[in-house]
């Protein structure tokens, strides 16, 4: 399994975990209210927990950025090797 596939699989699992947490929190239907109730007076079970979603979003962004930087580093390394090979060929032809 390549590094990219491992990272993609990890992102998939983290996304599924974040989705499960958000559905667990959002799955509860509050009872209907006929009048305004300030947020400070709502019971804790009716408030949406933002921490799991925020952490999941940050993890996704950091991992995606890491994968992107790794991809760029691999491509730059391949280009450097190709340039070194071409320089060697040019020097070899110049000697002939």
C-alpha atoms as a PDB file:
ATOM      1  CA  UNK A   1       0.000   0.000   0.000  1.00  0.00           C
ATOM      2  CA  UNK A   2       1.473   3.348  -1.007  1.00  0.00           C
ATOM      3  CA  UNK A   3       1.874   6.266   1.336  1.00  0.00           C
ATOM      4  CA  UNK A   4      -0.834   8.199  -0.499  1.00  0.00           C
ATOM      5  CA  UNK A   5      -3.268   5.300  -0.141  1.00  0.00           C
ATOM      6  CA  UNK A   6      -2.525   5.047   3.574  1.00  0.00           C
ATOM      7  CA  UNK A   7      -3.093   8.763   4.080  1.00  0.00           C
ATOM      8  CA  UNK A   8      -6.298   8.681   2.021  1.00  0.00           C
ATOM      9  CA  UNK A   9      -7.566   5.731   4.058  1.00  0.00           C
ATOM     10  CA  UNK A  10      -6.731   7.531   7.313  1.00  0.00           C
ATOM     11  CA  UNK A  11      -8.569  10.641   6.120  1.00  0.00           C
ATOM     12  CA  UNK A  12     -11.535   8.478   5.198  1.00  0.00           C
ATOM     13  CA  UNK A  13     -11.612   6.948   8.683  1.00  0.00           C
ATOM     14  CA  UNK A  14     -11.262  10.336  10.391  1.00  0.00           C
ATOM     15  CA  UNK A  15     -14.039  11.777   8.258  1.00  0.00           C
ATOM     16  CA  UNK A  16     -16.289   8.853   9.141  1.00  0.00           C
ATOM     17  CA  UNK A  17     -15.566   9.292  12.836  1.00  0.00           C
ATOM     18  CA  UNK A  18     -16.319  13.014  12.696  1.00  0.00           C
ATOM     19  CA  UNK A  19     -19.530  12.333  10.777  1.00  0.00           C
ATOM     20  CA  UNK A  20     -20.613   9.707  13.306  1.00  0.00           C
ATOM     21  CA  UNK A  21     -19.973  12.109  16.181  1.00  0.00           C
ATOM     22  CA  UNK A  22     -21.895  14.898  14.490  1.00  0.00           C
ATOM     23  CA  UNK A  23     -24.837  12.619  13.667  1.00  0.00           C
ATOM     24  CA  UNK A  24     -24.895  11.314  17.217  1.00  0.00           C
ATOM     25  CA  UNK A  25     -25.076  14.869  18.509  1.00  0.00           C
ATOM     26  CA  UNK A  26     -27.475  16.137  15.834  1.00  0.00           C
ATOM     27  CA  UNK A  27     -29.670  13.036  15.753  1.00  0.00           C
ATOM     28  CA  UNK A  28     -31.649  14.073  18.808  1.00  0.00           C
ATOM     29  CA  UNK A  29     -34.763  16.079  17.994  1.00  0.00           C
ATOM     30  CA  UNK A  30     -35.539  18.823  20.503  1.00  0.00           C
ATOM     31  CA  UNK A  31     -39.146  19.238  21.581  1.00  0.00           C
ATOM     32  CA  UNK A  32     -41.037  22.064  19.920  1.00  0.00           C
ATOM     33  CA  UNK A  33     -41.029  25.439  21.650  1.00  0.00           C
ATOM     34  CA  UNK A  34     -43.637  28.158  21.261  1.00  0.00           C
ATOM     35  CA  UNK A  35     -41.623  30.988  22.766  1.00  0.00           C
ATOM     36  CA  UNK A  36     -38.094  32.352  22.623  1.00  0.00           C
ATOM     37  CA  UNK A  37     -35.546  30.678  24.902  1.00  0.00           C
ATOM     38  CA  UNK A  38     -32.065  32.230  25.217  1.00  0.00           C
ATOM     39  CA  UNK A  39     -29.151  29.958  24.410  1.00  0.00           C
ATOM     40  CA  UNK A  40     -27.818  30.326  27.937  1.00  0.00           C
ATOM     41  CA  UNK A  41     -30.988  28.694  29.281  1.00  0.00           C
ATOM     42  CA  UNK A  42     -30.954  25.668  26.979  1.00  0.00           C
ATOM     43  CA  UNK A  43     -30.122  22.323  28.572  1.00  0.00           C
ATOM     44  CA  UNK A  44     -26.633  21.023  27.697  1.00  0.00           C
ATOM     45  CA  UNK A  45     -28.072  18.086  25.723  1.00  0.00           C
ATOM     46  CA  UNK A  46     -29.615  20.442  23.165  1.00  0.00           C
ATOM     47  CA  UNK A  47     -26.407  22.311  22.411  1.00  0.00           C
ATOM     48  CA  UNK A  48     -24.266  21.130  19.519  1.00  0.00           C
ATOM     49  CA  UNK A  49     -20.751  20.116  20.511  1.00  0.00           C
ATOM     50  CA  UNK A  50     -18.446  21.901  18.077  1.00  0.00           C
ATOM     51  CA  UNK A  51     -15.155  20.497  19.375  1.00  0.00           C
ATOM     52  CA  UNK A  52     -15.265  17.143  17.503  1.00  0.00           C
ATOM     53  CA  UNK A  53     -16.145  18.861  14.232  1.00  0.00           C
ATOM     54  CA  UNK A  54     -13.480  21.520  14.682  1.00  0.00           C
ATOM     55  CA  UNK A  55     -10.815  18.969  15.571  1.00  0.00           C
ATOM     56  CA  UNK A  56     -11.813  16.805  12.606  1.00  0.00           C
ATOM     57  CA  UNK A  57     -11.579  19.782  10.261  1.00  0.00           C
ATOM     58  CA  UNK A  58      -8.135  20.766  11.557  1.00  0.00           C
ATOM     59  CA  UNK A  59      -6.881  17.176  11.303  1.00  0.00           C
ATOM     60  CA  UNK A  60      -8.149  16.957   7.736  1.00  0.00           C
ATOM     61  CA  UNK A  61      -6.478  20.229   6.716  1.00  0.00           C
ATOM     62  CA  UNK A  62      -3.154  19.365   8.378  1.00  0.00           C
ATOM     63  CA  UNK A  63      -3.043  15.871   6.855  1.00  0.00           C
ATOM     64  CA  UNK A  64      -4.041  17.184   3.411  1.00  0.00           C
ATOM     65  CA  UNK A  65      -1.317  19.843   3.629  1.00  0.00           C
ATOM     66  CA  UNK A  66       1.227  17.231   4.709  1.00  0.00           C
ATOM     67  CA  UNK A  67       0.289  14.963   1.786  1.00  0.00           C
ATOM     68  CA  UNK A  68       0.549  17.900  -0.624  1.00  0.00           C
ATOM     69  CA  UNK A  69       4.009  18.888   0.667  1.00  0.00           C
ATOM     70  CA  UNK A  70       5.154  15.266   0.443  1.00  0.00           C
ATOM     71  CA  UNK A  71       3.883  15.073  -3.136  1.00  0.00           C
ATOM     72  CA  UNK A  72       5.715  18.270  -4.096  1.00  0.00           C
ATOM     73  CA  UNK A  73       8.919  17.054  -2.405  1.00  0.00           C
ATOM     74  CA  UNK A  74       8.814  13.772  -4.343  1.00  0.00           C
ATOM     75  CA  UNK A  75       8.288  15.591  -7.647  1.00  0.00           C
ATOM     76  CA  UNK A  76      11.093  18.072  -6.936  1.00  0.00           C
ATOM     77  CA  UNK A  77      13.400  15.152  -6.104  1.00  0.00           C
ATOM     78  CA  UNK A  78      12.533  13.447  -9.393  1.00  0.00           C
ATOM     79  CA  UNK A  79      13.223  16.653 -11.328  1.00  0.00           C
ATOM     80  CA  UNK A  80      16.566  17.107  -9.552  1.00  0.00           C
ATOM     81  CA  UNK A  81      17.581  13.556 -10.478  1.00  0.00           C
ATOM     82  CA  UNK A  82      16.591  14.149 -14.094  1.00  0.00           C
ATOM     83  CA  UNK A  83      18.571  17.400 -14.218  1.00  0.00           C
ATOM     84  CA  UNK A  84      21.619  15.651 -12.747  1.00  0.00           C
ATOM     85  CA  UNK A  85      21.292  12.849 -15.312  1.00  0.00           C
ATOM     86  CA  UNK A  86      21.013  15.320 -18.194  1.00  0.00           C
ATOM     87  CA  UNK A  87      24.023  17.298 -16.937  1.00  0.00           C
ATOM     88  CA  UNK A  88      26.008  14.061 -16.861  1.00  0.00           C
ATOM     89  CA  UNK A  89      24.990  13.273 -20.439  1.00  0.00           C
ATOM     90  CA  UNK A  90      25.941  16.780 -21.592  1.00  0.00           C
ATOM     91  CA  UNK A  91      29.366  16.507 -19.934  1.00  0.00           C
ATOM     92  CA  UNK A  92      29.891  13.037 -21.447  1.00  0.00           C
ATOM     93  CA  UNK A  93      29.055  14.302 -24.961  1.00  0.00           C
ATOM     94  CA  UNK A  94      31.287  17.336 -24.497  1.00  0.00           C
ATOM     95  CA  UNK A  95      34.260  15.069 -23.754  1.00  0.00           C
ATOM     96  CA  UNK A  96      33.700  12.988 -26.909  1.00  0.00           C
END
